[in-house]
Amino acid sequence: MTAAEFCRVIAEIESSNVATAWGDGGRAMGRYQVHPAWVWTYATAFKLPPADFEKWDDWVFGLVAQFFAHYSTADGPLEVAMRFHLGHLSRMSDAEWDGEYAAKFVEAAVQLGIALG
């Protein structure tokens, strides 16, 4: 799975790929449903400020893609997706693992014709 493919799957399960979506009581926005604190944390960590005149959606795509590139060096796509969803590392054997979210991730990848491996 490439970083761009990961972004496509996340966008599908988080917002049905709707760039103008709002969620979590107004705390999450865009197709990736990121919170302001998430954006700040990863834009700072990855040193990825928005470019002049860059659209929000394009900038956040770059952050999500970099998130995948960074964490996929040690974990598979499903574990990276769970880290994106929960905000921290979780393994299938962990109590906080969200099986429903994992199933949605796999289903969306299949529907989009994207291989997990």
Foldseek 3Di string as FASTA:
>chain_A
DALLLLLVLLLCVVPVVAQADADPVRQFGGSNRDGPVLCVVQCVVVVQDPDVPDDPRVSVSVSSSVLCVVPVVPDFSLQSQQCSVPVHGDDPPDPPRDPVSSVSSVVSCVVVVHDRD
